[in-house]
Structures are given as C-alpha cells and as structure tokens.
Amino acid sequence: MQPKIKTSGFKGLEDALIELEQFSGRTNTGKNAVRRGMRNAMKRIEDKAKSLAPVDDGELRDSIKTKNAKAKRQRGSYKFERQTGISILTGPTTYKGGRYAYFQEFGTVEMPANPFMRPAADSEGQNVIDIVGDELRDAIDKSLARARKKAARST
C-alpha cells in the first residue's frame, strides 16, 4: 500500500490545464505538459542515484534514466491496458547497464548489497514532492504560452 500525499494549491494548475486544452484544441497537450513537469522534478532522484551508483565501466550509472512508463500489453491479447494517469519511472533502463542493477541494489549470496536507488529516493523524495508543484506550474505555463502564441498566429 502506497502512502497518500496531501497536496494543496493545485486548483490553479487544474484551471491552467483546462485553459491549455481549450487553446490547443487537443486533449494530450495537458498530459504532455504534466509529463515534462514530472520528469523535471524526478531528475533530482536520477542525479542522486547516478552519484551513488557503483562505477566499474560506467554502464550502470549511464543507464539510469527518467522516462514515461509505457502501457502494458493485456495478458493473452494484442490490446494494451488503458492508462488513465501519468506514470514516470526512474532507474536503470538498458539491458546492458541494468542487468546487474538488481544485484548491486540488493546483493547476492556472494556479494554484499551496494544500494544506490533506494538511498537516492529516500534522500531526494521529499524534495521532489516539495518542488513538483513548481515544476508542473512552469511546464504548464510554457505550454500555455506556446498554445496562445500559436492561436494568435492562426487568427
């Protein structure tokens, strides 16, 4: 069970998203702005994890990225699960760099744990929560400015 986080002051962001969708005429513009803001906020955890990751040849460190979560294929079907929210993931992403990430994080019978993702999330998690509103506001404002500029050109 994930802890619930109470937020306040997001009503203005919701109004800006509605205005953004009205100006752009597309429903995915707001989602894209929120994704950009969330990726910017999560960059703090990515940077901290990269600084804590063990470096042999640098593949593990270089494979740590922040990205959008992709929809999963429904079991036994060609259809994908419906996504109603936005999910952003931070961690090792490539096979070559991330294949030993699990062993580094949790250890094995022959190797002690050398965690880097959990300490990064623990140390930067509250900072991400604190700045996510500002990052979202900036991303939405920039998208809204672009949509207004585009609307002004077309009239």
N, C-alpha and C. Protein backbone atom coordinates (compact mmCIF):
# COMPACT_ATOMS: atom_id res chain seq x y z
N MET A 1 0.84 -1.19 0.00
CA MET A 1 0.00 0.00 0.00
C MET A 1 0.88 1.25 0.00
N GLN A 2 0.63 2.13 -0.94
CA GLN A 2 1.44 3.34 -1.05
C GLN A 2 0.88 4.43 -0.14
N PRO A 3 1.76 5.23 0.47
CA PRO A 3 1.28 6.31 1.33
C PRO A 3 0.57 7.38 0.50
N LYS A 4 -0.45 7.96 1.07
CA LYS A 4 -1.17 9.02 0.38
C LYS A 4 -0.53 10.35 0.72
N ILE A 5 -0.42 11.20 -0.29
CA ILE A 5 0.21 12.50 -0.12
C ILE A 5 -0.86 13.57 -0.31
N LYS A 6 -0.99 14.44 0.67
CA LYS A 6 -1.96 15.52 0.54
C LYS A 6 -1.28 16.71 -0.12
N THR A 7 -1.96 17.28 -1.08
CA THR A 7 -1.42 18.45 -1.76
C THR A 7 -2.44 19.57 -1.67
N SER A 8 -1.94 20.78 -1.74
CA SER A 8 -2.83 21.94 -1.77
C SER A 8 -2.26 22.92 -2.78
N GLY A 9 -3.13 23.74 -3.33
CA GLY A 9 -2.68 24.73 -4.29
C GLY A 9 -2.63 24.23 -5.72
N PHE A 10 -3.22 23.07 -5.99
CA PHE A 10 -3.20 22.52 -7.35
C PHE A 10 -4.43 22.94 -8.14
N LYS A 11 -5.36 23.64 -7.51
CA LYS A 11 -6.56 24.09 -8.23
C LYS A 11 -6.18 25.03 -9.38
N GLY A 12 -5.23 25.90 -9.15
CA GLY A 12 -4.77 26.80 -10.20
C GLY A 12 -4.15 26.03 -11.36
N LEU A 13 -3.44 24.94 -11.05
CA LEU A 13 -2.85 24.12 -12.11
C LEU A 13 -3.93 23.44 -12.93
N GLU A 14 -4.97 22.98 -12.25
CA GLU A 14 -6.08 22.34 -12.97
C GLU A 14 -6.76 23.33 -13.90
N ASP A 15 -6.97 24.56 -13.44
CA ASP A 15 -7.57 25.59 -14.29
C ASP A 15 -6.68 25.90 -15.48
N ALA A 16 -5.35 25.95 -15.25
CA ALA A 16 -4.42 26.22 -16.35
C ALA A 16 -4.43 25.08 -17.36
N LEU A 17 -4.56 23.83 -16.90
CA LEU A 17 -4.64 22.69 -17.81
C LEU A 17 -5.90 22.77 -18.67
N ILE A 18 -7.01 23.15 -18.06
CA ILE A 18 -8.26 23.29 -18.81
C ILE A 18 -8.12 24.38 -19.87
N GLU A 19 -7.52 25.50 -19.48
CA GLU A 19 -7.30 26.59 -20.43
C GLU A 19 -6.35 26.16 -21.55
N LEU A 20 -5.34 25.41 -21.21
CA LEU A 20 -4.38 24.91 -22.20
C LEU A 20 -5.07 24.03 -23.22
N GLU A 21 -5.94 23.14 -22.78
CA GLU A 21 -6.64 22.26 -23.70
C GLU A 21 -7.62 23.03 -24.57
N GLN A 22 -8.20 24.10 -24.04
CA GLN A 22 -9.09 24.93 -24.85
C GLN A 22 -8.31 25.67 -25.94
N PHE A 23 -7.15 26.20 -25.61
CA PHE A 23 -6.35 26.92 -26.60
C PHE A 23 -5.79 25.98 -27.66
N SER A 24 -5.29 24.82 -27.23
CA SER A 24 -4.64 23.93 -28.17
C SER A 24 -5.64 23.11 -28.98
N GLY A 25 -6.80 22.84 -28.40
CA GLY A 25 -7.79 22.03 -29.09
C GLY A 25 -7.49 20.55 -29.04
N ARG A 26 -6.47 20.14 -28.29
CA ARG A 26 -6.11 18.73 -28.16
C ARG A 26 -6.09 18.36 -26.69
N THR A 27 -6.45 17.11 -26.42
CA THR A 27 -6.51 16.68 -25.02
C THR A 27 -5.16 16.20 -24.50
N ASN A 28 -4.23 15.85 -25.37
CA ASN A 28 -2.95 15.33 -24.90
C ASN A 28 -1.94 16.42 -24.57
N THR A 29 -2.22 17.67 -24.89
CA THR A 29 -1.30 18.76 -24.62
C THR A 29 -1.08 18.93 -23.11
N GLY A 30 -2.15 18.85 -22.36
CA GLY A 30 -2.04 18.96 -20.90
C GLY A 30 -1.26 17.81 -20.30
N LYS A 31 -1.53 16.60 -20.79
CA LYS A 31 -0.79 15.42 -20.30
C LYS A 31 0.69 15.56 -20.58
N ASN A 32 1.03 16.05 -21.77
CA ASN A 32 2.44 16.22 -22.12
C ASN A 32 3.11 17.25 -21.22
N ALA A 33 2.40 18.32 -20.89
CA ALA A 33 2.95 19.34 -20.01
C ALA A 33 3.19 18.76 -18.61
N VAL A 34 2.24 17.96 -18.12
CA VAL A 34 2.40 17.35 -16.80
C VAL A 34 3.56 16.35 -16.83
N ARG A 35 3.69 15.60 -17.90
CA ARG A 35 4.82 14.66 -18.02
C ARG A 35 6.15 15.40 -17.95
N ARG A 36 6.25 16.52 -18.68
CA ARG A 36 7.50 17.30 -18.66
C ARG A 36 7.81 17.80 -17.25
N GLY A 37 6.80 18.30 -16.57
CA GLY A 37 7.00 18.78 -15.20
C GLY A 37 7.41 17.68 -14.25
N MET A 38 6.78 16.51 -14.38
CA MET A 38 7.12 15.38 -13.51
C MET A 38 8.54 14.88 -13.80
N ARG A 39 8.91 14.82 -15.08
CA ARG A 39 10.28 14.38 -15.41
C ARG A 39 11.30 15.35 -14.84
N ASN A 40 11.02 16.65 -14.91
CA ASN A 40 11.94 17.65 -14.35
C ASN A 40 12.07 17.48 -12.84
N ALA A 41 10.96 17.19 -12.16
CA ALA A 41 11.01 17.01 -10.71
C ALA A 41 11.78 15.73 -10.35
N MET A 42 11.55 14.66 -11.10
CA MET A 42 12.21 13.38 -10.82
C MET A 42 13.69 13.38 -11.18
N LYS A 43 14.13 14.38 -11.91
CA LYS A 43 15.54 14.49 -12.30
C LYS A 43 16.45 14.53 -11.07
N ARG A 44 15.94 15.04 -9.95
CA ARG A 44 16.74 15.10 -8.72
C ARG A 44 17.10 13.70 -8.23
N ILE A 45 16.12 12.77 -8.29
CA ILE A 45 16.39 11.39 -7.86
C ILE A 45 17.36 10.73 -8.84
N GLU A 46 17.16 10.99 -10.14
CA GLU A 46 18.06 10.43 -11.15
C GLU A 46 19.50 10.87 -10.90
N ASP A 47 19.69 12.15 -10.69
CA ASP A 47 21.05 12.67 -10.46
C ASP A 47 21.68 12.10 -9.20
N LYS A 48 20.88 11.97 -8.13
CA LYS A 48 21.40 11.42 -6.88
C LYS A 48 21.76 9.94 -7.06
N ALA A 49 20.91 9.18 -7.76
CA ALA A 49 21.19 7.76 -7.99
C ALA A 49 22.46 7.59 -8.82
N LYS A 50 22.65 8.45 -9.82
CA LYS A 50 23.87 8.37 -10.63
C LYS A 50 25.11 8.65 -9.79
N SER A 51 24.99 9.57 -8.83
CA SER A 51 26.15 9.86 -7.98
C SER A 51 26.44 8.74 -7.00
N LEU A 52 25.42 7.95 -6.63
CA LEU A 52 25.60 6.85 -5.67
C LEU A 52 25.89 5.51 -6.33
N ALA A 53 25.63 5.39 -7.63
CA ALA A 53 25.80 4.12 -8.33
C ALA A 53 27.27 3.72 -8.37
N PRO A 54 27.54 2.43 -8.15
CA PRO A 54 28.93 1.97 -8.26
C PRO A 54 29.40 2.08 -9.71
N VAL A 55 30.64 2.52 -9.89
CA VAL A 55 31.16 2.74 -11.24
C VAL A 55 32.31 1.77 -11.51
N ASP A 56 32.06 0.86 -12.43
CA ASP A 56 33.13 -0.02 -12.91
C ASP A 56 33.53 0.49 -14.28
N ASP A 57 32.62 0.31 -15.25
CA ASP A 57 32.85 0.87 -16.58
C ASP A 57 31.85 1.98 -16.89
N GLY A 58 30.97 2.31 -15.95
CA GLY A 58 30.02 3.40 -16.11
C GLY A 58 28.72 3.03 -16.77
N GLU A 59 28.56 1.76 -17.18
CA GLU A 59 27.32 1.36 -17.86
C GLU A 59 26.10 1.46 -16.95
N LEU A 60 26.24 1.05 -15.71
CA LEU A 60 25.12 1.12 -14.77
C LEU A 60 24.74 2.57 -14.52
N ARG A 61 25.70 3.40 -14.23
CA ARG A 61 25.44 4.81 -13.98
C ARG A 61 24.79 5.48 -15.20
N ASP A 62 25.30 5.20 -16.38
CA ASP A 62 24.78 5.82 -17.60
C ASP A 62 23.41 5.29 -17.99
N SER A 63 23.03 4.13 -17.47
CA SER A 63 21.73 3.57 -17.83
C SER A 63 20.59 4.11 -16.97
N ILE A 64 20.90 4.86 -15.92
CA ILE A 64 19.85 5.41 -15.05
C ILE A 64 19.20 6.59 -15.77
N LYS A 65 17.91 6.46 -16.02
CA LYS A 65 17.15 7.48 -16.77
C LYS A 65 15.80 7.70 -16.11
N THR A 66 15.20 8.83 -16.42
CA THR A 66 13.83 9.12 -16.04
C THR A 66 13.01 9.12 -17.31
N LYS A 67 11.92 8.33 -17.32
CA LYS A 67 11.14 8.20 -18.55
C LYS A 67 9.67 7.95 -18.23
N ASN A 68 8.85 8.08 -19.26
CA ASN A 68 7.43 7.78 -19.14
C ASN A 68 7.24 6.27 -19.07
N ALA A 69 6.32 5.83 -18.24
CA ALA A 69 6.00 4.40 -18.18
C ALA A 69 5.15 4.05 -19.39
N LYS A 70 5.44 2.93 -20.01
CA LYS A 70 4.68 2.50 -21.18
C LYS A 70 3.53 1.61 -20.75
N ALA A 71 2.48 1.63 -21.55
CA ALA A 71 1.32 0.76 -21.28
C ALA A 71 1.74 -0.69 -21.43
N LYS A 72 1.18 -1.54 -20.60
CA LYS A 72 1.50 -2.96 -20.65
C LYS A 72 0.46 -3.69 -21.50
N ARG A 73 0.91 -4.68 -22.20
CA ARG A 73 0.02 -5.50 -23.02
C ARG A 73 -0.84 -6.36 -22.10
N GLN A 74 -2.14 -6.42 -22.41
CA GLN A 74 -3.03 -7.28 -21.63
C GLN A 74 -2.66 -8.74 -21.86
N ARG A 75 -2.74 -9.51 -20.83
CA ARG A 75 -2.37 -10.93 -20.91
C ARG A 75 -3.25 -11.65 -21.93
N GLY A 76 -2.62 -12.35 -22.88
CA GLY A 76 -3.34 -13.14 -23.86
C GLY A 76 -4.08 -12.32 -24.89
N SER A 77 -3.68 -11.07 -25.12
CA SER A 77 -4.39 -10.22 -26.06
C SER A 77 -3.39 -9.32 -26.77
N TYR A 78 -3.82 -8.76 -27.88
CA TYR A 78 -2.99 -7.79 -28.58
C TYR A 78 -3.27 -6.38 -28.08
N LYS A 79 -4.25 -6.22 -27.20
CA LYS A 79 -4.63 -4.91 -26.68
C LYS A 79 -3.73 -4.51 -25.51
N PHE A 80 -3.66 -3.22 -25.28
CA PHE A 80 -2.89 -2.69 -24.17
C PHE A 80 -3.83 -2.24 -23.06
N GLU A 81 -3.33 -2.27 -21.82
CA GLU A 81 -4.12 -1.80 -20.70
C GLU A 81 -4.37 -0.30 -20.85
N ARG A 82 -5.53 0.12 -20.45
CA ARG A 82 -5.88 1.54 -20.53
C ARG A 82 -5.16 2.29 -19.42
N GLN A 83 -4.54 3.39 -19.77
CA GLN A 83 -3.87 4.23 -18.78
C GLN A 83 -4.67 5.50 -18.60
N THR A 84 -5.07 5.76 -17.37
CA THR A 84 -5.82 6.97 -17.10
C THR A 84 -4.96 8.04 -16.43
N GLY A 85 -3.82 7.64 -15.91
CA GLY A 85 -2.95 8.59 -15.24
C GLY A 85 -1.62 8.71 -15.94
N ILE A 86 -0.71 9.36 -15.27
CA ILE A 86 0.64 9.55 -15.81
C ILE A 86 1.60 8.87 -14.85
N SER A 87 2.46 8.03 -15.40
CA SER A 87 3.47 7.34 -14.60
C SER A 87 4.85 7.67 -15.13
N ILE A 88 5.71 8.07 -14.22
CA ILE A 88 7.09 8.40 -14.56
C ILE A 88 7.99 7.45 -13.76
N LEU A 89 8.95 6.84 -14.42
CA LEU A 89 9.86 5.90 -13.77
C LEU A 89 11.29 6.42 -13.81
N THR A 90 12.03 6.15 -12.74
CA THR A 90 13.44 6.49 -12.69
C THR A 90 14.22 5.26 -12.28
N GLY A 91 15.24 4.91 -13.05
CA GLY A 91 16.07 3.76 -12.71
C GLY A 91 16.86 3.28 -13.90
N PRO A 92 17.60 2.18 -13.73
CA PRO A 92 18.37 1.62 -14.85
C PRO A 92 17.42 1.15 -15.95
N THR A 93 17.71 1.50 -17.19
CA THR A 93 16.77 1.24 -18.27
C THR A 93 17.26 0.26 -19.32
N THR A 94 18.53 0.18 -19.55
CA THR A 94 19.02 -0.67 -20.63
C THR A 94 19.41 -2.03 -20.09
N TYR A 95 19.36 -3.02 -20.96
CA TYR A 95 19.74 -4.36 -20.54
C TYR A 95 21.20 -4.41 -20.15
N LYS A 96 22.04 -3.83 -20.99
CA LYS A 96 23.48 -3.92 -20.74
C LYS A 96 23.86 -3.24 -19.43
N GLY A 97 23.34 -2.05 -19.18
CA GLY A 97 23.70 -1.34 -17.96
C GLY A 97 22.89 -1.78 -16.76
N GLY A 98 21.66 -2.21 -16.99
CA GLY A 98 20.79 -2.53 -15.88
C GLY A 98 20.72 -3.99 -15.51
N ARG A 99 21.44 -4.86 -16.22
CA ARG A 99 21.29 -6.29 -15.94
C ARG A 99 21.84 -6.66 -14.57
N TYR A 100 22.78 -5.92 -14.04
CA TYR A 100 23.33 -6.21 -12.72
C TYR A 100 22.83 -5.22 -11.67
N ALA A 101 21.95 -4.32 -12.04
CA ALA A 101 21.46 -3.31 -11.10
C ALA A 101 20.78 -3.95 -9.90
N TYR A 102 19.98 -4.98 -10.15
CA TYR A 102 19.29 -5.66 -9.06
C TYR A 102 20.28 -6.25 -8.07
N PHE A 103 21.33 -6.87 -8.60
CA PHE A 103 22.33 -7.49 -7.73
C PHE A 103 23.09 -6.44 -6.93
N GLN A 104 23.37 -5.30 -7.54
CA GLN A 104 24.04 -4.21 -6.84
C GLN A 104 23.15 -3.67 -5.73
N GLU A 105 21.89 -3.47 -6.03
CA GLU A 105 20.96 -2.87 -5.08
C GLU A 105 20.69 -3.78 -3.89
N PHE A 106 20.48 -5.07 -4.13
CA PHE A 106 20.06 -5.98 -3.07
C PHE A 106 21.12 -6.99 -2.64
N GLY A 107 22.17 -7.14 -3.42
CA GLY A 107 23.23 -8.08 -3.09
C GLY A 107 22.87 -9.50 -3.49
N THR A 108 23.83 -10.41 -3.32
CA THR A 108 23.63 -11.83 -3.59
C THR A 108 24.24 -12.61 -2.44
N VAL A 109 24.24 -13.91 -2.56
CA VAL A 109 24.85 -14.76 -1.54
C VAL A 109 26.35 -14.48 -1.45
N GLU A 110 26.96 -14.17 -2.59
CA GLU A 110 28.41 -13.97 -2.63
C GLU A 110 28.83 -12.50 -2.65
N MET A 111 27.86 -11.59 -2.70
CA MET A 111 28.20 -10.18 -2.82
C MET A 111 27.29 -9.35 -1.91
N PRO A 112 27.86 -8.48 -1.10
CA PRO A 112 27.01 -7.65 -0.25
C PRO A 112 26.25 -6.60 -1.08
N ALA A 113 25.15 -6.13 -0.54
CA ALA A 113 24.35 -5.11 -1.23
C ALA A 113 25.14 -3.80 -1.29
N ASN A 114 24.96 -3.11 -2.40
CA ASN A 114 25.54 -1.78 -2.60
C ASN A 114 24.42 -0.89 -3.13
N PRO A 115 23.43 -0.56 -2.27
CA PRO A 115 22.25 0.15 -2.76
C PRO A 115 22.57 1.56 -3.26
N PHE A 116 21.86 1.95 -4.31
CA PHE A 116 22.01 3.30 -4.85
C PHE A 116 20.66 3.92 -5.18
N MET A 117 19.68 3.14 -5.59
CA MET A 117 18.36 3.70 -5.93
C MET A 117 17.55 4.05 -4.68
N ARG A 118 17.48 3.15 -3.73
CA ARG A 118 16.69 3.41 -2.52
C ARG A 118 17.24 4.60 -1.72
N PRO A 119 18.55 4.68 -1.50
CA PRO A 119 19.06 5.86 -0.79
C PRO A 119 18.79 7.16 -1.56
N ALA A 120 18.84 7.10 -2.88
CA ALA A 120 18.55 8.30 -3.68
C ALA A 120 17.09 8.71 -3.51
N ALA A 121 16.18 7.73 -3.55
CA ALA A 121 14.76 8.03 -3.38
C ALA A 121 14.48 8.53 -1.97
N ASP A 122 15.13 7.93 -0.97
CA ASP A 122 14.92 8.36 0.41
C ASP A 122 15.42 9.78 0.65
N SER A 123 16.58 10.11 0.09
CA SER A 123 17.16 11.42 0.36
C SER A 123 16.53 12.54 -0.46
N GLU A 124 16.07 12.24 -1.67
CA GLU A 124 15.53 13.29 -2.55
C GLU A 124 14.01 13.26 -2.69
N GLY A 125 13.36 12.23 -2.15
CA GLY A 125 11.92 12.09 -2.32
C GLY A 125 11.12 13.28 -1.83
N GLN A 126 11.42 13.76 -0.64
CA GLN A 126 10.68 14.90 -0.09
C GLN A 126 10.95 16.16 -0.91
N ASN A 127 12.17 16.32 -1.40
CA ASN A 127 12.48 17.48 -2.25
C ASN A 127 11.66 17.44 -3.53
N VAL A 128 11.50 16.25 -4.10
CA VAL A 128 10.69 16.10 -5.32
C VAL A 128 9.25 16.50 -5.03
N ILE A 129 8.72 16.03 -3.91
CA ILE A 129 7.34 16.37 -3.55
C ILE A 129 7.21 17.88 -3.36
N ASP A 130 8.22 18.49 -2.74
CA ASP A 130 8.17 19.92 -2.49
C ASP A 130 8.21 20.75 -3.77
N ILE A 131 8.95 20.30 -4.79
CA ILE A 131 9.11 21.11 -6.00
C ILE A 131 8.19 20.69 -7.13
N VAL A 132 7.45 19.60 -6.99
CA VAL A 132 6.64 19.12 -8.10
C VAL A 132 5.60 20.16 -8.52
N GLY A 133 5.02 20.85 -7.59
CA GLY A 133 4.03 21.89 -7.94
C GLY A 133 4.66 22.99 -8.78
N ASP A 134 5.84 23.44 -8.39
CA ASP A 134 6.53 24.48 -9.15
C ASP A 134 6.91 24.00 -10.55
N GLU A 135 7.41 22.76 -10.63
CA GLU A 135 7.79 22.21 -11.93
C GLU A 135 6.58 22.05 -12.84
N LEU A 136 5.48 21.57 -12.28
CA LEU A 136 4.25 21.44 -13.07
C LEU A 136 3.76 22.81 -13.53
N ARG A 137 3.79 23.77 -12.63
CA ARG A 137 3.35 25.12 -12.98
C ARG A 137 4.19 25.69 -14.12
N ASP A 138 5.51 25.52 -14.04
CA ASP A 138 6.39 26.02 -15.09
C ASP A 138 6.10 25.35 -16.43
N ALA A 139 5.97 24.01 -16.42
CA ALA A 139 5.72 23.27 -17.66
C ALA A 139 4.37 23.65 -18.28
N ILE A 140 3.35 23.80 -17.44
CA ILE A 140 2.02 24.18 -17.94
C ILE A 140 2.05 25.60 -18.47
N ASP A 141 2.71 26.51 -17.76
CA ASP A 141 2.79 27.90 -18.22
C ASP A 141 3.50 28.01 -19.56
N LYS A 142 4.58 27.25 -19.74
CA LYS A 142 5.29 27.28 -21.02
C LYS A 142 4.43 26.72 -22.15
N SER A 143 3.73 25.64 -21.87
CA SER A 143 2.84 25.06 -22.89
C SER A 143 1.69 26.01 -23.21
N LEU A 144 1.16 26.65 -22.19
CA LEU A 144 0.07 27.60 -22.40
C LEU A 144 0.54 28.80 -23.22
N ALA A 145 1.74 29.27 -22.96
CA ALA A 145 2.29 30.39 -23.74
C ALA A 145 2.47 29.98 -25.20
N ARG A 146 2.96 28.76 -25.44
CA ARG A 146 3.09 28.27 -26.82
C ARG A 146 1.73 28.15 -27.50
N ALA A 147 0.74 27.64 -26.78
CA ALA A 147 -0.60 27.48 -27.36
C ALA A 147 -1.23 28.83 -27.68
N ARG A 148 -1.04 29.80 -26.79
CA ARG A 148 -1.58 31.16 -27.04
C ARG A 148 -0.90 31.78 -28.25
N LYS A 149 0.42 31.61 -28.36
CA LYS A 149 1.15 32.16 -29.49
C LYS A 149 0.69 31.54 -30.79
N LYS A 150 0.48 30.22 -30.78
CA LYS A 150 0.02 29.52 -31.95
C LYS A 150 -1.39 29.94 -32.33
N ALA A 151 -2.25 30.13 -31.33
CA ALA A 151 -3.62 30.57 -31.57
C ALA A 151 -3.64 31.98 -32.17
N ALA A 152 -2.74 32.85 -31.68
CA ALA A 152 -2.67 34.22 -32.18
C ALA A 152 -2.21 34.25 -33.64
N ARG A 153 -1.30 33.36 -34.00
CA ARG A 153 -0.82 33.31 -35.39
C ARG A 153 -1.89 32.83 -36.35
N SER A 154 -2.73 31.90 -35.89
CA SER A 154 -3.72 31.32 -36.79
C SER A 154 -4.93 32.23 -37.00
N THR A 155 -5.10 33.26 -36.20
CA THR A 155 -6.25 34.17 -36.39
C THR A 155 -5.89 35.39 -37.17
